Amino acid sequence: MKRCRALALVTAVTFMAGCTESTLVRSYPPGSTVYLNGELKGITPIVLSVPRSEFDKETFRVRVDHEGYESEERPLATQSCRGRIVGGVFTFGILLLFRPPTCFVSPQDFALKAVPGASPRAQATPVSEMTVEERLQRLQQLRDRGTITQDEYDRSRQQILLGN
């Protein structure tokens, strides 16, 4: 009986852990705006998560923008996760039913190139050195210019205020 309970617990935990795939997106310069498949997700560094049900069905394209720098866009890289493969072997394949052996590479780094002749002010302070107020001002500027929607502004504002 204890063995059945333990198996049920392991199965439940495994299932719950298999709901999303995540990766850390970093940029140089930090504080760049990140879009996932054209939708604003926030400001770097940021952890992007996608539902596992969508992970195998589509390619996720990330665009990173920063004023004074050329934008960079590319698909999120994936890899075989050795730990999942080993776990699958030791659980006789049960783990692989809930978490397939592929995942995002993490972290994913974007190095933006400065636009020749851009003002030094455009090549802004890294987000780690920006205050919450400065990050909120930058976000508001993006909204005021029409670069992001009100919904995107609200989500990113909440992330900044929560310290993410």
Protein backbone atom coordinates (compact mmCIF):
# COMPACT_ATOMS: atom_id res chain seq x y z
CA MET A 1 0.00 0.00 0.00
CA LYS A 2 2.83 2.40 0.87
CA ARG A 3 4.45 1.62 -2.46
CA CYS A 4 1.25 2.59 -4.34
CA ARG A 5 0.98 5.86 -2.41
CA ALA A 6 4.62 6.68 -3.11
CA LEU A 7 4.14 5.97 -6.82
CA ALA A 8 0.99 8.13 -6.89
CA LEU A 9 2.84 10.98 -5.16
CA VAL A 10 5.80 10.78 -7.54
CA THR A 11 3.42 10.71 -10.51
CA ALA A 12 1.48 13.75 -9.25
CA VAL A 13 4.65 15.76 -8.58
CA THR A 14 6.06 14.82 -11.98
CA PHE A 15 2.83 15.81 -13.71
CA MET A 16 2.71 19.19 -11.94
CA ALA A 17 6.34 19.89 -12.78
CA GLY A 18 5.65 19.18 -16.45
CA CYS A 19 3.24 22.07 -17.02
CA THR A 20 5.68 24.64 -18.47
CA GLU A 21 9.08 25.04 -20.03
CA SER A 22 11.17 28.05 -19.00
CA THR A 23 14.37 29.80 -19.98
CA LEU A 24 16.26 32.85 -18.79
CA VAL A 25 16.73 35.53 -21.47
CA ARG A 26 19.60 37.94 -20.91
CA SER A 27 20.81 40.77 -23.10
CA TYR A 28 23.62 43.20 -23.54
CA PRO A 29 22.73 45.86 -22.77
CA PRO A 30 20.47 44.72 -19.93
CA GLY A 31 17.13 46.46 -19.75
CA SER A 32 16.18 45.54 -23.32
CA THR A 33 12.58 44.91 -24.29
CA VAL A 34 11.70 41.24 -24.98
CA TYR A 35 8.97 40.00 -27.33
CA LEU A 36 7.95 36.34 -27.64
CA ASN A 37 6.22 35.61 -30.97
CA GLY A 38 5.47 39.34 -31.30
CA GLU A 39 3.99 39.74 -27.81
CA LEU A 40 5.75 41.92 -25.22
CA LYS A 41 6.96 39.84 -22.29
CA GLY A 42 9.04 42.33 -20.32
CA ILE A 43 12.52 43.71 -19.84
CA THR A 44 15.74 41.69 -19.60
CA PRO A 45 16.80 39.78 -17.67
CA ILE A 46 13.54 37.83 -17.74
CA VAL A 47 12.39 34.23 -17.37
CA LEU A 48 10.14 33.21 -20.25
CA SER A 49 7.72 30.33 -19.67
CA VAL A 50 5.53 28.57 -22.22
CA PRO A 51 2.94 25.85 -21.66
CA ARG A 52 4.37 22.41 -22.26
CA SER A 53 1.40 21.64 -24.52
CA GLU A 54 2.63 24.33 -26.95
CA PHE A 55 6.36 23.57 -26.62
CA ASP A 56 6.48 20.82 -29.27
CA LYS A 57 3.90 22.41 -31.58
CA GLU A 58 5.60 25.67 -32.55
CA THR A 59 8.87 27.53 -32.77
CA PHE A 60 9.16 30.37 -30.30
CA ARG A 61 10.77 33.47 -31.78
CA VAL A 62 12.26 36.07 -29.47
CA ARG A 63 12.98 39.66 -30.47
CA VAL A 64 15.10 41.84 -28.23
CA ASP A 65 15.01 45.63 -28.73
CA HIS A 66 16.90 48.46 -27.09
CA GLU A 67 17.00 52.10 -28.09
CA GLY A 68 20.32 52.90 -29.77
CA TYR A 69 20.95 49.24 -30.69
CA GLU A 70 19.99 47.01 -33.60
CA SER A 71 17.20 44.56 -32.73
CA GLU A 72 17.99 40.87 -32.69
CA GLU A 73 15.44 38.17 -33.43
CA ARG A 74 15.87 34.41 -33.41
CA PRO A 75 14.12 31.23 -32.29
CA LEU A 76 14.62 30.03 -28.75
CA ALA A 77 17.18 27.22 -28.80
CA THR A 78 16.21 23.79 -27.49
CA GLN A 79 18.30 20.82 -26.38
CA SER A 80 18.04 17.27 -25.13
CA CYS A 81 17.92 17.30 -21.35
CA ARG A 82 20.18 14.55 -20.06
CA GLY A 83 18.60 14.57 -16.60
CA ARG A 84 15.19 13.83 -18.07
CA ILE A 85 16.59 11.01 -20.18
CA VAL A 86 18.30 9.45 -17.16
CA GLY A 87 15.13 9.94 -15.11
CA GLY A 88 13.14 8.27 -17.87
CA VAL A 89 15.43 5.26 -17.81
CA PHE A 90 15.18 4.88 -14.03
CA THR A 91 11.38 5.24 -14.04
CA PHE A 92 11.00 2.80 -16.94
CA GLY A 93 9.76 5.63 -19.20
CA ILE A 94 7.06 6.93 -16.87
CA LEU A 95 8.80 10.30 -16.41
CA LEU A 96 9.01 10.76 -20.18
CA LEU A 97 5.21 10.52 -20.41
CA PHE A 98 4.98 13.79 -18.49
CA ARG A 99 8.19 15.59 -19.47
CA PRO A 100 9.61 14.79 -22.89
CA PRO A 101 13.40 14.80 -23.12
CA THR A 102 13.68 18.23 -24.80
CA CYS A 103 13.81 21.61 -23.10
CA PHE A 104 14.95 25.19 -23.72
CA VAL A 105 18.63 26.03 -23.49
CA SER A 106 19.05 28.33 -20.50
CA PRO A 107 20.23 31.03 -20.34
CA GLN A 108 19.72 32.47 -23.82
CA ASP A 109 21.96 35.48 -24.40
CA PHE A 110 21.42 38.30 -26.90
CA ALA A 111 24.27 40.73 -27.62
CA LEU A 112 22.86 43.75 -29.42
CA LYS A 113 25.10 45.87 -31.66
CA ALA A 114 25.14 49.61 -31.13
CA VAL A 115 23.74 51.68 -33.99
CA PRO A 116 26.56 53.85 -35.40
CA GLY A 117 26.06 57.48 -34.43
CA ALA A 118 23.50 56.75 -31.72
CA SER A 119 23.56 59.16 -28.83
CA PRO A 120 25.33 57.98 -25.67
CA ARG A 121 22.05 58.52 -23.79
CA ALA A 122 20.39 55.93 -26.05
CA GLN A 123 22.95 53.38 -24.92
CA ALA A 124 21.29 53.31 -21.54
CA THR A 125 22.20 52.19 -18.07
CA PRO A 126 21.96 48.44 -17.42
CA VAL A 127 18.67 47.45 -15.78
CA SER A 128 20.57 46.18 -12.73
CA GLU A 129 21.69 49.76 -12.12
CA MET A 130 18.29 51.32 -12.86
CA THR A 131 15.94 52.20 -10.04
CA VAL A 132 12.35 50.99 -10.07
CA GLU A 133 11.29 54.53 -10.97
CA GLU A 134 13.65 54.61 -13.97
CA ARG A 135 12.38 51.24 -15.21
CA LEU A 136 8.77 52.41 -14.86
CA GLN A 137 9.58 55.64 -16.74
CA ARG A 138 11.17 53.65 -19.57
CA LEU A 139 8.13 51.39 -19.73
CA GLN A 140 5.80 54.38 -19.82
CA GLN A 141 7.82 55.88 -22.70
CA LEU A 142 7.35 52.65 -24.65
CA ARG A 143 3.60 52.83 -24.07
CA ASP A 144 3.39 56.54 -24.93
CA ARG A 145 5.22 55.95 -28.24
CA GLY A 146 2.81 53.15 -29.10
CA THR A 147 5.56 50.51 -29.02
CA ILE A 148 3.56 48.46 -26.50
CA THR A 149 -0.15 48.12 -25.74
CA GLN A 150 -1.86 49.03 -22.50
CA ASP A 151 -2.13 45.33 -21.55
CA GLU A 152 1.59 44.81 -22.17
CA TYR A 153 2.33 47.94 -20.13
CA ASP A 154 0.17 46.70 -17.23
CA ARG A 155 1.81 43.23 -17.17
CA SER A 156 5.36 44.62 -17.33
CA ARG A 157 4.59 47.28 -14.72
CA GLN A 158 3.37 44.58 -12.36
CA GLN A 159 6.56 42.54 -12.96
CA ILE A 160 8.74 45.57 -12.16
CA LEU A 161 6.77 46.40 -9.01
CA LEU A 162 6.99 42.77 -7.84
CA GLY A 163 10.75 42.86 -8.31
CA ASN A 164 11.00 40.47 -11.30
